Amino acid sequence: AITMPDKLKLASIVVNAGHVKEHIQMLKQRWGVNRVNVVAHSKGGLDSKHYSMSGSGYLDDIYHLIQIGTPNAGSGTAERFSFLAPIIGLLPWTTEALPNLTETFMANYNALYHPQNYLNGRVIYRTIAGDFRVPDGVMDQMCSWWCGGREGSSSFMAGVICRLYRATHDWTYAEEYALRVKPNDYVVNVESAYVLGT
């Protein structure tokens, strides 16, 4: 398993692709194999895909790359909150990672690294995406419980999460979001995950 060090967990796709490469070399040496199967979640799928593509220093050592909930065309949720990156540098996920997950960034990234031109023919790519619907009222109950009935009273972070959830998942927004992005897991929509056609 590859676990990014804290300072790299939220780095750019390109930086983390180098980290994926280093870990794969270590695993190949440890197990005495030439190729490995990679199962990656969310941005880890983007990092691993970038490493596997032509021109990124790829060493022909991935057999299968299985992405789970990876925003190959970006995330509407990341797009909606990308304004936080320059404003709240205190939150680690607002650094390079959040902007790298936006639909705008991924549209430019995919134009530069078009899957038809850059996906490695020796790697078998597979994608798994989810469609999750929180039953009406469940998140409100969780926020009320977590925040002790008053937003921010339990902890600063709990208050922030509750405010963000309520700001983005009121009935009007949830209805519009579901219509705009179609099936999704609240962060990555299914169409974005399957943009590679795998």
C-alpha atoms as a PDB file:
ATOM      1  CA  ALA A   1       0.000   0.000   0.000  1.00  0.00           C
ATOM      2  CA  ILE A   2       1.168   3.506  -0.770  1.00  0.00           C
ATOM      3  CA  THR A   3       0.425   6.105   1.855  1.00  0.00           C
ATOM      4  CA  MET A   4       1.582   9.571   0.974  1.00  0.00           C
ATOM      5  CA  PRO A   5       3.547  11.419   3.656  1.00  0.00           C
ATOM      6  CA  ASP A   6       1.508  14.286   5.097  1.00  0.00           C
ATOM      7  CA  LYS A   7       3.455  16.896   3.146  1.00  0.00           C
ATOM      8  CA  LEU A   8       2.729  15.069  -0.144  1.00  0.00           C
ATOM      9  CA  LYS A   9      -0.831  13.845   0.396  1.00  0.00           C
ATOM     10  CA  LEU A  10      -2.154  17.087  -0.964  1.00  0.00           C
ATOM     11  CA  ALA A  11       0.539  17.953  -3.478  1.00  0.00           C
ATOM     12  CA  SER A  12      -0.014  18.299  -7.216  1.00  0.00           C
ATOM     13  CA  ILE A  13      -0.713  15.379  -9.528  1.00  0.00           C
ATOM     14  CA  VAL A  14       2.743  15.698 -11.095  1.00  0.00           C
ATOM     15  CA  VAL A  15       4.581  15.749  -7.742  1.00  0.00           C
ATOM     16  CA  ASN A  16       2.625  12.773  -6.427  1.00  0.00           C
ATOM     17  CA  ALA A  17       3.186  10.808  -9.656  1.00  0.00           C
ATOM     18  CA  GLY A  18       6.893  10.850  -8.778  1.00  0.00           C
ATOM     19  CA  HIS A  19       6.070   9.593  -5.299  1.00  0.00           C
ATOM     20  CA  VAL A  20       3.952   6.759  -6.780  1.00  0.00           C
ATOM     21  CA  LYS A  21       6.922   5.829  -8.979  1.00  0.00           C
ATOM     22  CA  GLU A  22       9.276   5.668  -5.966  1.00  0.00           C
ATOM     23  CA  HIS A  23       6.886   3.442  -4.006  1.00  0.00           C
ATOM     24  CA  ILE A  24       6.318   1.095  -6.934  1.00  0.00           C
ATOM     25  CA  GLN A  25      10.096   0.664  -7.285  1.00  0.00           C
ATOM     26  CA  MET A  26      10.299  -0.180  -3.591  1.00  0.00           C
ATOM     27  CA  LEU A  27       7.434  -2.704  -3.849  1.00  0.00           C
ATOM     28  CA  LYS A  28       8.934  -4.348  -6.942  1.00  0.00           C
ATOM     29  CA  GLN A  29      12.215  -4.799  -5.125  1.00  0.00           C
ATOM     30  CA  ARG A  30      10.547  -6.086  -1.954  1.00  0.00           C
ATOM     31  CA  TRP A  31       8.425  -8.689  -3.781  1.00  0.00           C
ATOM     32  CA  GLY A  32      10.836  -9.499  -6.617  1.00  0.00           C
ATOM     33  CA  VAL A  33       8.355  -8.650  -9.379  1.00  0.00           C
ATOM     34  CA  ASN A  34       8.579  -6.576 -12.549  1.00  0.00           C
ATOM     35  CA  ARG A  35       5.019  -5.213 -12.597  1.00  0.00           C
ATOM     36  CA  VAL A  36       2.367  -4.456  -9.984  1.00  0.00           C
ATOM     37  CA  ASN A  37      -1.388  -3.941  -9.835  1.00  0.00           C
ATOM     38  CA  VAL A  38      -2.406  -0.532  -8.494  1.00  0.00           C
ATOM     39  CA  VAL A  39      -5.736   0.191  -6.817  1.00  0.00           C
ATOM     40  CA  ALA A  40      -6.080   3.922  -6.201  1.00  0.00           C
ATOM     41  CA  HIS A  41      -8.798   6.077  -4.690  1.00  0.00           C
ATOM     42  CA  SER A  42      -9.821   9.603  -5.709  1.00  0.00           C
ATOM     43  CA  LYS A  43      -6.810  11.819  -6.448  1.00  0.00           C
ATOM     44  CA  GLY A  44      -4.534   8.809  -5.990  1.00  0.00           C
ATOM     45  CA  GLY A  45      -6.043   7.529  -9.237  1.00  0.00           C
ATOM     46  CA  LEU A  46      -4.994  10.739 -10.995  1.00  0.00           C
ATOM     47  CA  ASP A  47      -1.496  10.564  -9.506  1.00  0.00           C
ATOM     48  CA  SER A  48      -1.081   6.918 -10.543  1.00  0.00           C
ATOM     49  CA  LYS A  49      -2.520   7.527 -14.015  1.00  0.00           C
ATOM     50  CA  HIS A  50      -0.103  10.408 -14.569  1.00  0.00           C
ATOM     51  CA  TYR A  51       2.825   8.174 -13.656  1.00  0.00           C
ATOM     52  CA  SER A  52       1.623   5.438 -16.026  1.00  0.00           C
ATOM     53  CA  MET A  53       1.361   7.744 -19.044  1.00  0.00           C
ATOM     54  CA  SER A  54       3.973   8.110 -21.738  1.00  0.00           C
ATOM     55  CA  GLY A  55       6.522  10.838 -21.142  1.00  0.00           C
ATOM     56  CA  SER A  56       6.208  10.883 -17.354  1.00  0.00           C
ATOM     57  CA  GLY A  57       9.196   8.659 -16.580  1.00  0.00           C
ATOM     58  CA  TYR A  58       7.088   5.508 -16.593  1.00  0.00           C
ATOM     59  CA  LEU A  59       9.116   2.307 -16.144  1.00  0.00           C
ATOM     60  CA  ASP A  60       6.598  -0.207 -17.589  1.00  0.00           C
ATOM     61  CA  ASP A  61       5.803  -1.581 -14.160  1.00  0.00           C
ATOM     62  CA  ILE A  62       2.015  -1.320 -13.784  1.00  0.00           C
ATOM     63  CA  TYR A  63      -0.117  -4.196 -15.025  1.00  0.00           C
ATOM     64  CA  HIS A  64      -3.577  -3.017 -13.885  1.00  0.00           C
ATOM     65  CA  LEU A  65      -4.535   0.459 -12.684  1.00  0.00           C
ATOM     66  CA  ILE A  66      -7.910   0.331 -10.946  1.00  0.00           C
ATOM     67  CA  GLN A  67      -9.323   3.734 -10.056  1.00  0.00           C
ATOM     68  CA  ILE A  68     -12.039   4.059  -7.399  1.00  0.00           C
ATOM     69  CA  GLY A  69     -14.005   7.296  -7.375  1.00  0.00           C
ATOM     70  CA  THR A  70     -11.327   9.129  -9.352  1.00  0.00           C
ATOM     71  CA  PRO A  71     -12.385  12.493 -10.835  1.00  0.00           C
ATOM     72  CA  ASN A  72     -10.837  12.033 -14.285  1.00  0.00           C
ATOM     73  CA  ALA A  73     -12.847  15.012 -15.546  1.00  0.00           C
ATOM     74  CA  GLY A  74     -12.713  16.888 -12.236  1.00  0.00           C
ATOM     75  CA  SER A  75     -15.105  17.297  -9.347  1.00  0.00           C
ATOM     76  CA  GLY A  76     -17.976  19.774  -9.221  1.00  0.00           C
ATOM     77  CA  THR A  77     -17.590  19.875  -5.453  1.00  0.00           C
ATOM     78  CA  ALA A  78     -13.903  20.792  -5.762  1.00  0.00           C
ATOM     79  CA  GLU A  79     -14.847  23.411  -8.364  1.00  0.00           C
ATOM     80  CA  ARG A  80     -17.419  24.895  -6.022  1.00  0.00           C
ATOM     81  CA  PHE A  81     -14.938  25.170  -3.138  1.00  0.00           C
ATOM     82  CA  SER A  82     -11.780  26.012  -5.103  1.00  0.00           C
ATOM     83  CA  PHE A  83     -12.105  29.617  -3.919  1.00  0.00           C
ATOM     84  CA  LEU A  84     -10.930  28.355  -0.510  1.00  0.00           C
ATOM     85  CA  ALA A  85      -7.440  27.548  -1.797  1.00  0.00           C
ATOM     86  CA  PRO A  86      -6.019  31.073  -1.679  1.00  0.00           C
ATOM     87  CA  ILE A  87      -8.223  32.223   1.200  1.00  0.00           C
ATOM     88  CA  ILE A  88      -7.751  29.496   3.800  1.00  0.00           C
ATOM     89  CA  GLY A  89      -4.177  28.270   3.548  1.00  0.00           C
ATOM     90  CA  LEU A  90      -4.598  26.795   7.024  1.00  0.00           C
ATOM     91  CA  LEU A  91      -6.608  23.864   5.690  1.00  0.00           C
ATOM     92  CA  PRO A  92      -4.187  21.441   4.007  1.00  0.00           C
ATOM     93  CA  TRP A  93      -6.696  20.308   1.354  1.00  0.00           C
ATOM     94  CA  THR A  94      -6.833  23.857  -0.017  1.00  0.00           C
ATOM     95  CA  THR A  95      -3.242  23.694  -1.296  1.00  0.00           C
ATOM     96  CA  GLU A  96      -2.420  22.193  -4.706  1.00  0.00           C
ATOM     97  CA  ALA A  97      -4.739  19.202  -4.330  1.00  0.00           C
ATOM     98  CA  LEU A  98      -8.065  21.039  -4.370  1.00  0.00           C
ATOM     99  CA  PRO A  99      -7.327  23.121  -7.494  1.00  0.00           C
ATOM    100  CA  ASN A 100      -6.003  19.953  -9.218  1.00  0.00           C
ATOM    101  CA  LEU A 101      -9.385  18.291  -8.649  1.00  0.00           C
ATOM    102  CA  THR A 102     -11.539  20.998 -10.243  1.00  0.00           C
ATOM    103  CA  GLU A 103     -13.376  20.480 -13.523  1.00  0.00           C
ATOM    104  CA  THR A 104     -11.531  23.485 -14.987  1.00  0.00           C
ATOM    105  CA  PHE A 105      -8.078  22.109 -14.152  1.00  0.00           C
ATOM    106  CA  MET A 106      -8.920  18.600 -15.366  1.00  0.00           C
ATOM    107  CA  ALA A 107     -10.357  19.914 -18.660  1.00  0.00           C
ATOM    108  CA  ASN A 108      -7.018  21.631 -19.307  1.00  0.00           C
ATOM    109  CA  TYR A 109      -5.070  18.609 -18.055  1.00  0.00           C
ATOM    110  CA  ASN A 110      -7.019  16.218 -20.313  1.00  0.00           C
ATOM    111  CA  ALA A 111      -6.522  18.542 -23.292  1.00  0.00           C
ATOM    112  CA  LEU A 112      -2.778  18.474 -22.645  1.00  0.00           C
ATOM    113  CA  TYR A 113      -2.609  14.761 -21.810  1.00  0.00           C
ATOM    114  CA  HIS A 114      -5.404  13.450 -24.009  1.00  0.00           C
ATOM    115  CA  PRO A 115      -6.235   9.856 -22.970  1.00  0.00           C
ATOM    116  CA  GLN A 116      -6.133   8.615 -26.578  1.00  0.00           C
ATOM    117  CA  ASN A 117      -2.566   9.857 -26.949  1.00  0.00           C
ATOM    118  CA  TYR A 118      -1.108   9.307 -23.514  1.00  0.00           C
ATOM    119  CA  LEU A 119      -2.684   6.273 -21.855  1.00  0.00           C
ATOM    120  CA  ASN A 120      -0.183   3.468 -21.923  1.00  0.00           C
ATOM    121  CA  GLY A 121      -1.270   0.533 -24.077  1.00  0.00           C
ATOM    122  CA  ARG A 122       0.493  -1.942 -21.766  1.00  0.00           C
ATOM    123  CA  VAL A 123      -1.533  -0.859 -18.712  1.00  0.00           C
ATOM    124  CA  ILE A 124      -5.065  -2.175 -18.229  1.00  0.00           C
ATOM    125  CA  TYR A 125      -7.137   0.717 -16.864  1.00  0.00           C
ATOM    126  CA  ARG A 126     -10.368   0.113 -14.942  1.00  0.00           C
ATOM    127  CA  THR A 127     -12.644   2.555 -13.157  1.00  0.00           C
ATOM    128  CA  ILE A 128     -15.194   2.098 -10.376  1.00  0.00           C
ATOM    129  CA  ALA A 129     -17.581   4.923  -9.516  1.00  0.00           C
ATOM    130  CA  GLY A 130     -20.376   5.261  -7.009  1.00  0.00           C
ATOM    131  CA  ASP A 131     -23.765   6.890  -6.766  1.00  0.00           C
ATOM    132  CA  PHE A 132     -24.590   7.694  -3.154  1.00  0.00           C
ATOM    133  CA  ARG A 133     -27.685   9.449  -1.903  1.00  0.00           C
ATOM    134  CA  VAL A 134     -27.908  10.518   1.720  1.00  0.00           C
ATOM    135  CA  PRO A 135     -31.503  10.018   2.883  1.00  0.00           C
ATOM    136  CA  ASP A 136     -33.335  13.281   3.567  1.00  0.00           C
ATOM    137  CA  GLY A 137     -32.511  14.721   6.955  1.00  0.00           C
ATOM    138  CA  VAL A 138     -29.636  12.374   7.832  1.00  0.00           C
ATOM    139  CA  MET A 139     -26.823  14.913   7.383  1.00  0.00           C
ATOM    140  CA  ASP A 140     -28.775  17.554   9.281  1.00  0.00           C
ATOM    141  CA  GLN A 141     -29.156  15.104  12.179  1.00  0.00           C
ATOM    142  CA  MET A 142     -25.442  14.259  12.051  1.00  0.00           C
ATOM    143  CA  CYS A 143     -24.456  17.943  12.009  1.00  0.00           C
ATOM    144  CA  SER A 144     -26.784  18.686  14.911  1.00  0.00           C
ATOM    145  CA  TRP A 145     -25.357  15.787  16.910  1.00  0.00           C
ATOM    146  CA  TRP A 146     -21.733  16.504  15.963  1.00  0.00           C
ATOM    147  CA  CYS A 147     -21.988  20.218  16.685  1.00  0.00           C
ATOM    148  CA  GLY A 148     -23.986  19.744  19.870  1.00  0.00           C
ATOM    149  CA  GLY A 149     -26.986  21.469  18.349  1.00  0.00           C
ATOM    150  CA  ARG A 150     -25.006  24.672  17.789  1.00  0.00           C
ATOM    151  CA  GLU A 151     -22.681  24.932  14.805  1.00  0.00           C
ATOM    152  CA  GLY A 152     -19.092  25.176  15.971  1.00  0.00           C
ATOM    153  CA  SER A 153     -19.756  24.313  19.613  1.00  0.00           C
ATOM    154  CA  SER A 154     -18.193  20.835  19.452  1.00  0.00           C
ATOM    155  CA  SER A 155     -15.038  21.801  17.609  1.00  0.00           C
ATOM    156  CA  PHE A 156     -13.931  24.372  15.092  1.00  0.00           C
ATOM    157  CA  MET A 157     -13.514  21.788  12.318  1.00  0.00           C
ATOM    158  CA  ALA A 158     -16.897  20.186  12.973  1.00  0.00           C
ATOM    159  CA  GLY A 159     -18.467  23.621  12.709  1.00  0.00           C
ATOM    160  CA  VAL A 160     -16.709  24.318   9.416  1.00  0.00           C
ATOM    161  CA  ILE A 161     -17.792  20.964   7.969  1.00  0.00           C
ATOM    162  CA  CYS A 162     -21.391  21.483   9.065  1.00  0.00           C
ATOM    163  CA  ARG A 163     -21.506  24.990   7.624  1.00  0.00           C
ATOM    164  CA  LEU A 164     -20.001  23.816   4.314  1.00  0.00           C
ATOM    165  CA  TYR A 165     -22.426  20.918   4.115  1.00  0.00           C
ATOM    166  CA  ARG A 166     -25.445  23.074   4.869  1.00  0.00           C
ATOM    167  CA  ALA A 167     -24.275  25.777   2.466  1.00  0.00           C
ATOM    168  CA  THR A 168     -23.959  23.328  -0.406  1.00  0.00           C
ATOM    169  CA  HIS A 169     -26.615  20.756   0.297  1.00  0.00           C
ATOM    170  CA  ASP A 170     -29.729  22.730   0.963  1.00  0.00           C
ATOM    171  CA  TRP A 171     -32.706  21.477  -1.042  1.00  0.00           C
ATOM    172  CA  THR A 172     -32.297  23.918  -3.928  1.00  0.00           C
ATOM    173  CA  TYR A 173     -28.597  23.232  -4.383  1.00  0.00           C
ATOM    174  CA  ALA A 174     -28.927  19.471  -3.938  1.00  0.00           C
ATOM    175  CA  GLU A 175     -31.671  19.363  -6.552  1.00  0.00           C
ATOM    176  CA  GLU A 176     -29.667  21.498  -8.997  1.00  0.00           C
ATOM    177  CA  TYR A 177     -26.461  19.538  -8.313  1.00  0.00           C
ATOM    178  CA  ALA A 178     -28.157  16.189  -8.937  1.00  0.00           C
ATOM    179  CA  LEU A 179     -29.580  17.451 -12.234  1.00  0.00           C
ATOM    180  CA  ARG A 180     -26.287  18.980 -13.343  1.00  0.00           C
ATOM    181  CA  VAL A 181     -23.853  16.215 -12.483  1.00  0.00           C
ATOM    182  CA  LYS A 182     -26.190  13.231 -12.580  1.00  0.00           C
ATOM    183  CA  PRO A 183     -25.228  10.173 -10.461  1.00  0.00           C
ATOM    184  CA  ASN A 184     -22.447  10.972  -8.004  1.00  0.00           C
ATOM    185  CA  ASP A 185     -20.947  10.120  -4.629  1.00  0.00           C
ATOM    186  CA  TYR A 186     -21.236  13.766  -3.464  1.00  0.00           C
ATOM    187  CA  VAL A 187     -17.692  14.504  -4.608  1.00  0.00           C
ATOM    188  CA  VAL A 188     -17.074  12.713  -7.927  1.00  0.00           C
ATOM    189  CA  ASN A 189     -19.792  12.215 -10.492  1.00  0.00           C
ATOM    190  CA  VAL A 190     -19.945   8.932 -12.373  1.00  0.00           C
ATOM    191  CA  GLU A 191     -19.398  10.574 -15.771  1.00  0.00           C
ATOM    192  CA  SER A 192     -16.184  12.196 -14.522  1.00  0.00           C
ATOM    193  CA  ALA A 193     -14.845   8.890 -13.241  1.00  0.00           C
ATOM    194  CA  TYR A 194     -15.575   7.136 -16.548  1.00  0.00           C
ATOM    195  CA  VAL A 195     -14.192   9.845 -18.842  1.00  0.00           C
ATOM    196  CA  LEU A 196     -11.323   7.505 -19.725  1.00  0.00           C
ATOM    197  CA  GLY A 197     -13.847   5.104 -21.247  1.00  0.00           C
ATOM    198  CA  THR A 198     -12.699   2.241 -19.023  1.00  0.00           C
END
